[in-house]
Amino acid sequence: MLNQFLGGRYRVIQALGEGGFAKTYIAEDHHRPGHPKCIVKFLKPTRKDSDFMATARRLFKKEAEILEKLGKHEQIPRLLAHFEENKKFYIIQEFIEGHTLSQKLASKHRWSEEQVILMLQDVLQILKFVHSHRVIHRDIKPSNLIKRQKDSRLVLIDFGVVKEIGNSRILSAPSGQETIAIGTQGSRFA
């Protein structure tokens, strides 16, 4: 997929990761001045029959709506675009320059109690916003928290956009609203 243009504007330049149903890449947006970097999440349905694809499209649209709302928080990547191309789904999000918390923890630098408390308070403020939109991340871990280079703030990433339909569970919230269960595939808590 490297150097391939998606949606006629996003040129894939680097693979980042792969999960059961999704692949993540860094791309350049060739419709914007300077070709800024962005994140492309490529979601490929496991089946192509019409009922399955209708469900996949509905969940994909719902997930994009959720990401649009959540991206209004300064510590959650903005949704830049979403589209379907050749029965494959793409989410385009803001690229966050920085290092994951797991990379920071691997440096063997011992954190003070005050640093840990500040980090937890930062994460809790993000979660308060997420929960106010009746969304549960369900995959909070050091590799899904990026310490942003420009201001050292933590950014929560990877909201697990549209997991494989066979593995997705739609849960009814007390108010009757739907939520999409998300998390790392194989996780005890997903």
N, C-alpha and C. Protein backbone atom coordinates (compact mmCIF):
# COMPACT_ATOMS: atom_id res chain seq x y z
N MET A 1 0.82 -1.19 0.00
CA MET A 1 0.00 0.00 0.00
C MET A 1 0.87 1.26 0.00
N LEU A 2 2.16 1.13 0.28
CA LEU A 2 3.04 2.30 0.30
C LEU A 2 3.02 3.02 -1.03
N ASN A 3 3.04 4.34 -0.96
CA ASN A 3 3.01 5.26 -2.10
C ASN A 3 1.69 5.23 -2.87
N GLN A 4 0.73 4.47 -2.42
CA GLN A 4 -0.58 4.43 -3.05
C GLN A 4 -1.38 5.65 -2.61
N PHE A 5 -2.17 6.22 -3.55
CA PHE A 5 -3.06 7.33 -3.21
C PHE A 5 -4.44 6.77 -2.87
N LEU A 6 -4.98 7.20 -1.75
CA LEU A 6 -6.31 6.79 -1.31
C LEU A 6 -7.23 8.00 -1.40
N GLY A 7 -8.43 7.77 -1.88
CA GLY A 7 -9.39 8.86 -1.99
C GLY A 7 -8.90 9.97 -2.91
N GLY A 8 -7.92 9.67 -3.75
CA GLY A 8 -7.39 10.66 -4.68
C GLY A 8 -6.55 11.75 -4.04
N ARG A 9 -6.24 11.62 -2.74
CA ARG A 9 -5.48 12.70 -2.09
C ARG A 9 -4.50 12.27 -1.01
N TYR A 10 -4.67 11.10 -0.40
CA TYR A 10 -3.83 10.67 0.70
C TYR A 10 -2.80 9.66 0.21
N ARG A 11 -1.52 10.07 0.21
CA ARG A 11 -0.45 9.17 -0.23
C ARG A 11 0.15 8.48 0.98
N VAL A 12 0.04 7.16 1.02
CA VAL A 12 0.54 6.37 2.14
C VAL A 12 2.07 6.36 2.10
N ILE A 13 2.71 6.73 3.23
CA ILE A 13 4.17 6.79 3.25
C ILE A 13 4.82 5.83 4.25
N GLN A 14 4.03 5.33 5.22
CA GLN A 14 4.64 4.45 6.23
C GLN A 14 3.57 3.61 6.92
N ALA A 15 3.84 2.33 7.10
CA ALA A 15 2.96 1.45 7.87
C ALA A 15 3.24 1.67 9.35
N LEU A 16 2.17 1.72 10.16
CA LEU A 16 2.33 1.89 11.60
C LEU A 16 1.98 0.64 12.39
N GLY A 17 0.88 0.01 12.03
CA GLY A 17 0.47 -1.15 12.80
C GLY A 17 -0.66 -1.90 12.12
N GLU A 18 -0.95 -3.07 12.68
CA GLU A 18 -1.99 -3.90 12.11
C GLU A 18 -2.68 -4.66 13.22
N GLY A 19 -4.00 -4.69 13.17
CA GLY A 19 -4.79 -5.47 14.10
C GLY A 19 -5.67 -6.41 13.30
N GLY A 20 -6.51 -7.17 13.96
CA GLY A 20 -7.32 -8.18 13.29
C GLY A 20 -8.08 -7.69 12.07
N PHE A 21 -8.60 -6.48 12.09
CA PHE A 21 -9.48 -5.99 11.05
C PHE A 21 -8.98 -4.69 10.44
N ALA A 22 -7.99 -4.08 11.02
CA ALA A 22 -7.55 -2.76 10.58
C ALA A 22 -6.04 -2.67 10.43
N LYS A 23 -5.63 -1.79 9.53
CA LYS A 23 -4.23 -1.45 9.36
C LYS A 23 -4.12 0.05 9.49
N THR A 24 -3.03 0.51 10.07
CA THR A 24 -2.84 1.94 10.29
C THR A 24 -1.58 2.41 9.58
N TYR A 25 -1.69 3.55 8.92
CA TYR A 25 -0.59 4.10 8.13
C TYR A 25 -0.43 5.59 8.40
N ILE A 26 0.77 6.09 8.13
CA ILE A 26 0.98 7.53 8.04
C ILE A 26 0.88 7.88 6.56
N ALA A 27 0.17 8.96 6.27
CA ALA A 27 0.01 9.40 4.89
C ALA A 27 0.24 10.90 4.81
N GLU A 28 0.35 11.39 3.59
CA GLU A 28 0.45 12.82 3.32
C GLU A 28 -0.83 13.24 2.60
N ASP A 29 -1.38 14.38 3.02
CA ASP A 29 -2.58 14.91 2.38
C ASP A 29 -2.16 15.83 1.24
N HIS A 30 -2.29 15.37 0.00
CA HIS A 30 -1.83 16.12 -1.16
C HIS A 30 -2.84 17.16 -1.64
N HIS A 31 -3.92 17.37 -0.90
CA HIS A 31 -4.85 18.46 -1.22
C HIS A 31 -4.66 19.65 -0.30
N ARG A 32 -3.69 19.57 0.59
CA ARG A 32 -3.42 20.68 1.51
C ARG A 32 -2.00 21.18 1.30
N PRO A 33 -1.80 22.47 1.48
CA PRO A 33 -0.45 23.04 1.31
C PRO A 33 0.56 22.37 2.23
N GLY A 34 1.71 22.05 1.70
CA GLY A 34 2.78 21.43 2.49
C GLY A 34 2.61 19.95 2.68
N HIS A 35 1.53 19.38 2.18
CA HIS A 35 1.27 17.93 2.28
C HIS A 35 1.43 17.44 3.73
N PRO A 36 0.65 17.97 4.68
CA PRO A 36 0.80 17.56 6.08
C PRO A 36 0.51 16.07 6.27
N LYS A 37 1.16 15.52 7.28
CA LYS A 37 0.95 14.11 7.61
C LYS A 37 -0.42 13.93 8.27
N CYS A 38 -0.95 12.74 8.10
CA CYS A 38 -2.19 12.35 8.75
C CYS A 38 -2.14 10.84 8.99
N ILE A 39 -3.08 10.35 9.74
CA ILE A 39 -3.17 8.92 10.02
C ILE A 39 -4.31 8.33 9.19
N VAL A 40 -4.04 7.22 8.54
CA VAL A 40 -5.06 6.51 7.77
C VAL A 40 -5.31 5.17 8.45
N LYS A 41 -6.56 4.92 8.81
CA LYS A 41 -6.95 3.62 9.32
C LYS A 41 -7.76 2.94 8.23
N PHE A 42 -7.24 1.84 7.76
CA PHE A 42 -7.84 1.07 6.67
C PHE A 42 -8.60 -0.08 7.30
N LEU A 43 -9.89 -0.16 7.03
CA LEU A 43 -10.75 -1.18 7.61
C LEU A 43 -11.34 -2.02 6.50
N LYS A 44 -11.03 -3.29 6.51
CA LYS A 44 -11.48 -4.18 5.43
C LYS A 44 -12.46 -5.20 6.00
N PRO A 45 -13.73 -5.13 5.55
CA PRO A 45 -14.71 -6.12 6.02
C PRO A 45 -14.28 -7.54 5.63
N THR A 46 -14.64 -8.50 6.47
CA THR A 46 -14.24 -9.89 6.22
C THR A 46 -15.15 -10.58 5.22
N ARG A 47 -16.34 -9.99 5.00
CA ARG A 47 -17.27 -10.54 4.02
C ARG A 47 -17.78 -9.43 3.13
N LYS A 48 -18.32 -9.78 1.97
CA LYS A 48 -18.80 -8.77 1.02
C LYS A 48 -20.29 -8.89 0.71
N ASP A 49 -21.02 -9.82 1.36
CA ASP A 49 -22.44 -9.96 1.06
C ASP A 49 -23.18 -8.69 1.47
N SER A 50 -24.33 -8.43 0.84
CA SER A 50 -25.02 -7.15 0.99
C SER A 50 -25.48 -6.86 2.41
N ASP A 51 -25.99 -7.85 3.14
CA ASP A 51 -26.43 -7.61 4.52
C ASP A 51 -25.25 -7.24 5.41
N PHE A 52 -24.18 -7.98 5.25
CA PHE A 52 -22.98 -7.72 6.04
C PHE A 52 -22.43 -6.32 5.74
N MET A 53 -22.35 -5.97 4.45
CA MET A 53 -21.83 -4.66 4.06
C MET A 53 -22.73 -3.53 4.54
N ALA A 54 -24.03 -3.75 4.55
CA ALA A 54 -24.96 -2.72 5.05
C ALA A 54 -24.70 -2.47 6.53
N THR A 55 -24.50 -3.54 7.29
CA THR A 55 -24.18 -3.40 8.72
C THR A 55 -22.83 -2.72 8.90
N ALA A 56 -21.85 -3.11 8.10
CA ALA A 56 -20.52 -2.51 8.18
C ALA A 56 -20.58 -1.01 7.89
N ARG A 57 -21.34 -0.62 6.86
CA ARG A 57 -21.48 0.81 6.52
C ARG A 57 -22.14 1.58 7.65
N ARG A 58 -23.18 0.99 8.24
CA ARG A 58 -23.89 1.66 9.33
C ARG A 58 -22.95 1.87 10.53
N LEU A 59 -22.21 0.82 10.90
CA LEU A 59 -21.29 0.94 12.03
C LEU A 59 -20.15 1.90 11.72
N PHE A 60 -19.67 1.87 10.49
CA PHE A 60 -18.60 2.77 10.06
C PHE A 60 -19.07 4.22 10.16
N LYS A 61 -20.28 4.50 9.69
CA LYS A 61 -20.82 5.86 9.76
C LYS A 61 -21.00 6.29 11.21
N LYS A 62 -21.52 5.38 12.04
CA LYS A 62 -21.72 5.69 13.46
C LYS A 62 -20.38 5.99 14.14
N GLU A 63 -19.38 5.20 13.83
CA GLU A 63 -18.06 5.40 14.43
C GLU A 63 -17.46 6.74 13.99
N ALA A 64 -17.63 7.09 12.72
CA ALA A 64 -17.13 8.38 12.22
C ALA A 64 -17.84 9.53 12.94
N GLU A 65 -19.14 9.39 13.19
CA GLU A 65 -19.87 10.43 13.92
C GLU A 65 -19.32 10.58 15.34
N ILE A 66 -19.01 9.46 15.97
CA ILE A 66 -18.43 9.50 17.32
C ILE A 66 -17.06 10.18 17.30
N LEU A 67 -16.22 9.80 16.35
CA LEU A 67 -14.88 10.40 16.26
C LEU A 67 -14.97 11.89 15.96
N GLU A 68 -15.94 12.31 15.18
CA GLU A 68 -16.14 13.74 14.89
C GLU A 68 -16.41 14.51 16.17
N LYS A 69 -17.28 13.98 17.02
CA LYS A 69 -17.61 14.63 18.29
C LYS A 69 -16.40 14.64 19.23
N LEU A 70 -15.75 13.48 19.35
CA LEU A 70 -14.64 13.37 20.30
C LEU A 70 -13.44 14.21 19.88
N GLY A 71 -13.23 14.36 18.57
CA GLY A 71 -12.10 15.13 18.06
C GLY A 71 -12.15 16.60 18.38
N LYS A 72 -13.24 17.05 18.98
CA LYS A 72 -13.33 18.45 19.41
C LYS A 72 -12.50 18.71 20.67
N HIS A 73 -12.12 17.63 21.35
CA HIS A 73 -11.27 17.77 22.54
C HIS A 73 -9.82 17.91 22.08
N GLU A 74 -9.09 18.82 22.71
CA GLU A 74 -7.72 19.10 22.28
C GLU A 74 -6.76 17.93 22.50
N GLN A 75 -7.17 16.90 23.24
CA GLN A 75 -6.30 15.77 23.51
C GLN A 75 -6.80 14.47 22.87
N ILE A 76 -7.59 14.63 21.82
CA ILE A 76 -8.06 13.52 21.01
C ILE A 76 -7.87 13.92 19.55
N PRO A 77 -7.26 13.06 18.73
CA PRO A 77 -7.03 13.43 17.32
C PRO A 77 -8.34 13.77 16.60
N ARG A 78 -8.30 14.82 15.79
CA ARG A 78 -9.47 15.23 15.00
C ARG A 78 -9.70 14.25 13.85
N LEU A 79 -10.97 14.02 13.56
CA LEU A 79 -11.34 13.28 12.36
C LEU A 79 -11.24 14.25 11.20
N LEU A 80 -10.46 13.90 10.18
CA LEU A 80 -10.29 14.77 9.02
C LEU A 80 -11.20 14.34 7.88
N ALA A 81 -11.43 13.04 7.74
CA ALA A 81 -12.28 12.52 6.67
C ALA A 81 -12.59 11.06 6.94
N HIS A 82 -13.60 10.58 6.26
CA HIS A 82 -13.90 9.14 6.24
C HIS A 82 -14.57 8.85 4.90
N PHE A 83 -14.24 7.71 4.32
CA PHE A 83 -14.82 7.37 3.02
C PHE A 83 -14.71 5.87 2.77
N GLU A 84 -15.51 5.43 1.82
CA GLU A 84 -15.47 4.04 1.36
C GLU A 84 -14.94 4.04 -0.07
N GLU A 85 -14.06 3.10 -0.35
CA GLU A 85 -13.49 2.96 -1.69
C GLU A 85 -13.30 1.48 -1.97
N ASN A 86 -13.92 0.97 -3.01
CA ASN A 86 -13.82 -0.45 -3.38
C ASN A 86 -14.20 -1.38 -2.23
N LYS A 87 -15.30 -1.07 -1.55
CA LYS A 87 -15.82 -1.86 -0.43
C LYS A 87 -14.82 -1.97 0.73
N LYS A 88 -13.98 -0.97 0.85
CA LYS A 88 -13.04 -0.85 1.98
C LYS A 88 -13.30 0.51 2.60
N PHE A 89 -13.12 0.58 3.91
CA PHE A 89 -13.44 1.80 4.65
C PHE A 89 -12.16 2.47 5.14
N TYR A 90 -12.15 3.80 5.13
CA TYR A 90 -10.97 4.56 5.54
C TYR A 90 -11.38 5.67 6.49
N ILE A 91 -10.63 5.78 7.56
CA ILE A 91 -10.76 6.88 8.52
C ILE A 91 -9.46 7.67 8.43
N ILE A 92 -9.56 8.98 8.28
CA ILE A 92 -8.38 9.84 8.22
C ILE A 92 -8.42 10.73 9.47
N GLN A 93 -7.35 10.68 10.24
CA GLN A 93 -7.28 11.47 11.48
C GLN A 93 -6.01 12.29 11.53
N GLU A 94 -6.05 13.26 12.40
CA GLU A 94 -4.92 14.13 12.66
C GLU A 94 -3.71 13.30 13.12
N PHE A 95 -2.54 13.63 12.61
CA PHE A 95 -1.30 12.98 13.02
C PHE A 95 -0.78 13.69 14.27
N ILE A 96 -0.45 12.94 15.29
CA ILE A 96 0.07 13.50 16.54
C ILE A 96 1.56 13.18 16.62
N GLU A 97 2.37 14.21 16.58
CA GLU A 97 3.83 14.05 16.69
C GLU A 97 4.18 13.85 18.16
N GLY A 98 4.88 12.77 18.46
CA GLY A 98 5.28 12.51 19.83
C GLY A 98 5.63 11.05 20.03
N HIS A 99 5.69 10.65 21.29
CA HIS A 99 6.03 9.28 21.64
C HIS A 99 4.94 8.71 22.53
N THR A 100 4.68 7.41 22.39
CA THR A 100 3.68 6.78 23.23
C THR A 100 4.18 6.71 24.67
N LEU A 101 3.24 6.61 25.56
CA LEU A 101 3.58 6.49 26.97
C LEU A 101 4.37 5.20 27.21
N SER A 102 4.09 4.15 26.45
CA SER A 102 4.85 2.90 26.61
C SER A 102 6.31 3.12 26.23
N GLN A 103 6.58 3.95 25.21
CA GLN A 103 7.97 4.27 24.86
C GLN A 103 8.63 5.07 25.98
N LYS A 104 7.89 5.99 26.56
CA LYS A 104 8.43 6.80 27.68
C LYS A 104 8.73 5.91 28.89
N LEU A 105 7.84 4.97 29.17
CA LEU A 105 8.05 4.09 30.32
C LEU A 105 9.22 3.14 30.11
N ALA A 106 9.47 2.76 28.87
CA ALA A 106 10.58 1.85 28.56
C ALA A 106 11.94 2.51 28.75
N SER A 107 11.97 3.83 28.87
CA SER A 107 13.24 4.53 29.01
C SER A 107 13.89 4.30 30.38
N LYS A 108 13.19 3.61 31.26
CA LYS A 108 13.70 3.26 32.60
C LYS A 108 13.88 4.47 33.50
N HIS A 109 13.41 5.64 33.04
CA HIS A 109 13.43 6.84 33.89
C HIS A 109 12.35 6.69 34.95
N ARG A 110 12.71 6.81 36.19
CA ARG A 110 11.76 6.65 37.29
C ARG A 110 10.92 7.92 37.43
N TRP A 111 9.61 7.76 37.47
CA TRP A 111 8.70 8.89 37.61
C TRP A 111 8.49 9.19 39.09
N SER A 112 8.39 10.45 39.39
CA SER A 112 8.08 10.85 40.76
C SER A 112 6.58 10.66 41.01
N GLU A 113 6.21 10.66 42.27
CA GLU A 113 4.79 10.53 42.61
C GLU A 113 3.99 11.68 41.99
N GLU A 114 4.55 12.86 42.03
CA GLU A 114 3.88 14.04 41.46
C GLU A 114 3.66 13.89 39.95
N GLN A 115 4.66 13.35 39.24
CA GLN A 115 4.53 13.15 37.79
C GLN A 115 3.43 12.13 37.48
N VAL A 116 3.36 11.07 38.27
CA VAL A 116 2.34 10.04 38.07
C VAL A 116 0.95 10.63 38.31
N ILE A 117 0.80 11.40 39.37
CA ILE A 117 -0.49 12.03 39.69
C ILE A 117 -0.91 12.98 38.57
N LEU A 118 0.01 13.80 38.07
CA LEU A 118 -0.31 14.72 36.98
C LEU A 118 -0.71 13.97 35.71
N MET A 119 -0.01 12.87 35.42
CA MET A 119 -0.34 12.07 34.24
C MET A 119 -1.75 11.48 34.38
N LEU A 120 -2.06 10.94 35.55
CA LEU A 120 -3.38 10.36 35.77
C LEU A 120 -4.48 11.41 35.70
N GLN A 121 -4.23 12.59 36.24
CA GLN A 121 -5.21 13.67 36.16
C GLN A 121 -5.45 14.08 34.71
N ASP A 122 -4.38 14.11 33.92
CA ASP A 122 -4.49 14.45 32.50
C ASP A 122 -5.37 13.43 31.78
N VAL A 123 -5.11 12.16 32.02
CA VAL A 123 -5.88 11.09 31.37
C VAL A 123 -7.34 11.14 31.83
N LEU A 124 -7.55 11.36 33.12
CA LEU A 124 -8.92 11.40 33.64
C LEU A 124 -9.73 12.55 33.05
N GLN A 125 -9.10 13.67 32.75
CA GLN A 125 -9.81 14.79 32.12
C GLN A 125 -10.26 14.41 30.71
N ILE A 126 -9.43 13.68 29.99
CA ILE A 126 -9.81 13.21 28.65
C ILE A 126 -11.00 12.25 28.78
N LEU A 127 -10.90 11.31 29.71
CA LEU A 127 -11.96 10.31 29.88
C LEU A 127 -13.28 10.95 30.32
N LYS A 128 -13.20 11.98 31.13
CA LYS A 128 -14.41 12.70 31.54
C LYS A 128 -15.14 13.23 30.31
N PHE A 129 -14.40 13.79 29.37
CA PHE A 129 -14.98 14.30 28.12
C PHE A 129 -15.56 13.15 27.29
N VAL A 130 -14.78 12.08 27.13
CA VAL A 130 -15.23 10.92 26.35
C VAL A 130 -16.53 10.37 26.94
N HIS A 131 -16.56 10.19 28.24
CA HIS A 131 -17.74 9.62 28.90
C HIS A 131 -18.93 10.56 28.83
N SER A 132 -18.69 11.86 28.77
CA SER A 132 -19.80 12.81 28.65
C SER A 132 -20.53 12.64 27.32
N HIS A 133 -19.88 11.99 26.36
CA HIS A 133 -20.50 11.70 25.06
C HIS A 133 -21.00 10.26 24.99
N ARG A 134 -21.10 9.62 26.15
CA ARG A 134 -21.62 8.25 26.27
C ARG A 134 -20.80 7.26 25.45
N VAL A 135 -19.50 7.46 25.45
CA VAL A 135 -18.57 6.57 24.75
C VAL A 135 -17.60 6.02 25.78
N ILE A 136 -17.23 4.75 25.61
CA ILE A 136 -16.23 4.13 26.46
C ILE A 136 -15.10 3.67 25.55
N HIS A 137 -13.89 4.09 25.85
CA HIS A 137 -12.72 3.73 25.03
C HIS A 137 -12.42 2.24 25.14
N ARG A 138 -12.36 1.71 26.32
CA ARG A 138 -12.15 0.29 26.62
C ARG A 138 -10.81 -0.28 26.19
N ASP A 139 -9.88 0.56 25.82
CA ASP A 139 -8.55 0.05 25.44
C ASP A 139 -7.48 1.04 25.88
N ILE A 140 -7.63 1.53 27.08
CA ILE A 140 -6.66 2.50 27.58
C ILE A 140 -5.44 1.74 28.06
N LYS A 141 -4.32 2.06 27.44
CA LYS A 141 -3.04 1.43 27.77
C LYS A 141 -1.95 2.39 27.32
N PRO A 142 -0.74 2.21 27.82
CA PRO A 142 0.35 3.15 27.50
C PRO A 142 0.58 3.35 26.00
N SER A 143 0.38 2.31 25.19
CA SER A 143 0.63 2.48 23.74
C SER A 143 -0.48 3.27 23.05
N ASN A 144 -1.60 3.53 23.74
CA ASN A 144 -2.68 4.35 23.17
C ASN A 144 -2.71 5.76 23.75
N LEU A 145 -1.63 6.13 24.42
CA LEU A 145 -1.47 7.49 24.93
C LEU A 145 -0.17 8.06 24.37
N ILE A 146 -0.28 9.15 23.63
CA ILE A 146 0.90 9.79 23.05
C ILE A 146 1.21 11.06 23.81
N LYS A 147 2.47 11.19 24.21
CA LYS A 147 2.91 12.45 24.81
C LYS A 147 3.27 13.37 23.65
N ARG A 148 2.38 14.35 23.40
CA ARG A 148 2.52 15.23 22.24
C ARG A 148 3.78 16.07 22.35
N GLN A 149 4.53 16.10 21.28
CA GLN A 149 5.84 16.78 21.26
C GLN A 149 5.72 18.28 21.52
N LYS A 150 4.73 18.94 20.93
CA LYS A 150 4.66 20.40 20.99
C LYS A 150 4.33 20.96 22.37
N ASP A 151 3.65 20.18 23.23
CA ASP A 151 3.27 20.72 24.53
C ASP A 151 3.34 19.71 25.68
N SER A 152 3.82 18.49 25.39
CA SER A 152 3.96 17.42 26.39
C SER A 152 2.64 16.97 27.00
N ARG A 153 1.52 17.30 26.40
CA ARG A 153 0.21 16.83 26.88
C ARG A 153 -0.03 15.42 26.34
N LEU A 154 -0.78 14.63 27.09
CA LEU A 154 -1.14 13.30 26.63
C LEU A 154 -2.33 13.38 25.69
N VAL A 155 -2.29 12.56 24.65
CA VAL A 155 -3.37 12.48 23.66
C VAL A 155 -3.83 11.03 23.61
N LEU A 156 -5.13 10.81 23.74
CA LEU A 156 -5.70 9.46 23.70
C LEU A 156 -6.00 9.10 22.25
N ILE A 157 -5.44 7.99 21.79
CA ILE A 157 -5.62 7.56 20.40
C ILE A 157 -6.29 6.20 20.34
N ASP A 158 -6.55 5.76 19.13
CA ASP A 158 -7.03 4.42 18.80
C ASP A 158 -8.34 4.07 19.49
N PHE A 159 -9.39 4.67 18.99
CA PHE A 159 -10.72 4.38 19.51
C PHE A 159 -11.30 3.12 18.88
N GLY A 160 -10.46 2.32 18.23
CA GLY A 160 -10.87 1.01 17.75
C GLY A 160 -11.93 1.05 16.68
N VAL A 161 -11.85 2.02 15.80
CA VAL A 161 -12.88 2.25 14.81
C VAL A 161 -13.34 0.97 14.12
N VAL A 162 -14.61 0.73 14.24
CA VAL A 162 -15.31 -0.34 13.56
C VAL A 162 -14.53 -1.65 13.51
N LYS A 163 -14.57 -2.37 14.60
CA LYS A 163 -13.94 -3.68 14.65
C LYS A 163 -14.66 -4.62 13.69
N GLU A 164 -14.06 -5.75 13.46
CA GLU A 164 -14.68 -6.75 12.59
C GLU A 164 -16.12 -6.98 13.05
N ILE A 165 -17.05 -6.90 12.11
CA ILE A 165 -18.47 -6.94 12.45
C ILE A 165 -18.81 -8.17 13.28
N GLY A 166 -18.22 -9.29 12.97
CA GLY A 166 -18.48 -10.51 13.73
C GLY A 166 -18.03 -10.40 15.17
N ASN A 167 -17.06 -9.54 15.45
CA ASN A 167 -16.56 -9.37 16.81
C ASN A 167 -17.13 -8.16 17.50
N SER A 168 -17.82 -7.28 16.77
CA SER A 168 -18.40 -6.08 17.37
C SER A 168 -19.65 -6.46 18.12
N ARG A 169 -19.83 -5.81 19.23
CA ARG A 169 -21.03 -6.01 20.02
C ARG A 169 -21.68 -4.64 20.17
N ILE A 170 -22.95 -4.57 19.86
CA ILE A 170 -23.66 -3.32 20.05
C ILE A 170 -24.41 -3.45 21.36
N LEU A 171 -24.15 -2.52 22.25
CA LEU A 171 -24.73 -2.57 23.57
C LEU A 171 -25.79 -1.48 23.71
N SER A 172 -26.85 -1.76 24.43
CA SER A 172 -27.86 -0.73 24.67
C SER A 172 -27.51 -0.02 25.96
N ALA A 173 -27.41 1.28 25.88
CA ALA A 173 -27.19 2.10 27.06
C ALA A 173 -28.53 2.27 27.76
N PRO A 174 -28.54 2.63 29.05
CA PRO A 174 -29.81 2.78 29.78
C PRO A 174 -30.80 3.70 29.08
N SER A 175 -30.32 4.72 28.36
CA SER A 175 -31.21 5.66 27.70
C SER A 175 -31.74 5.11 26.39
N GLY A 176 -31.30 3.89 26.00
CA GLY A 176 -31.72 3.32 24.74
C GLY A 176 -30.80 3.66 23.59
N GLN A 177 -29.79 4.51 23.84
CA GLN A 177 -28.84 4.84 22.78
C GLN A 177 -27.90 3.67 22.57
N GLU A 178 -27.39 3.53 21.34
CA GLU A 178 -26.45 2.46 21.05
C GLU A 178 -25.03 2.92 21.29
N THR A 179 -24.22 1.99 21.77
CA THR A 179 -22.78 2.24 21.87
C THR A 179 -22.10 1.07 21.19
N ILE A 180 -20.92 1.32 20.66
CA ILE A 180 -20.18 0.27 19.99
C ILE A 180 -19.03 -0.14 20.90
N ALA A 181 -18.97 -1.42 21.25
CA ALA A 181 -17.91 -1.91 22.11
C ALA A 181 -16.61 -1.92 21.33
N ILE A 182 -15.57 -1.36 21.92
CA ILE A 182 -14.28 -1.30 21.25
C ILE A 182 -13.19 -1.69 22.22
N GLY A 183 -12.06 -2.15 21.70
CA GLY A 183 -10.92 -2.52 22.52
C GLY A 183 -9.97 -3.37 21.73
N THR A 184 -8.83 -3.68 22.32
CA THR A 184 -7.85 -4.52 21.64
C THR A 184 -8.42 -5.92 21.49
N GLN A 185 -8.34 -6.45 20.28
CA GLN A 185 -8.84 -7.79 20.02
C GLN A 185 -8.08 -8.77 20.90
N GLY A 186 -8.82 -9.65 21.58
CA GLY A 186 -8.20 -10.63 22.45
C GLY A 186 -8.03 -10.13 23.87
N SER A 187 -8.32 -8.88 24.13
CA SER A 187 -8.20 -8.33 25.47
C SER A 187 -9.29 -8.91 26.36
N ARG A 188 -8.97 -9.14 27.60
CA ARG A 188 -9.96 -9.65 28.55
C ARG A 188 -11.10 -8.67 28.73
N PHE A 189 -10.83 -7.40 28.52
CA PHE A 189 -11.82 -6.37 28.81
C PHE A 189 -12.55 -5.88 27.58
N ALA A 190 -12.21 -6.38 26.39
CA ALA A 190 -12.86 -5.89 25.16
C ALA A 190 -14.19 -6.56 24.97
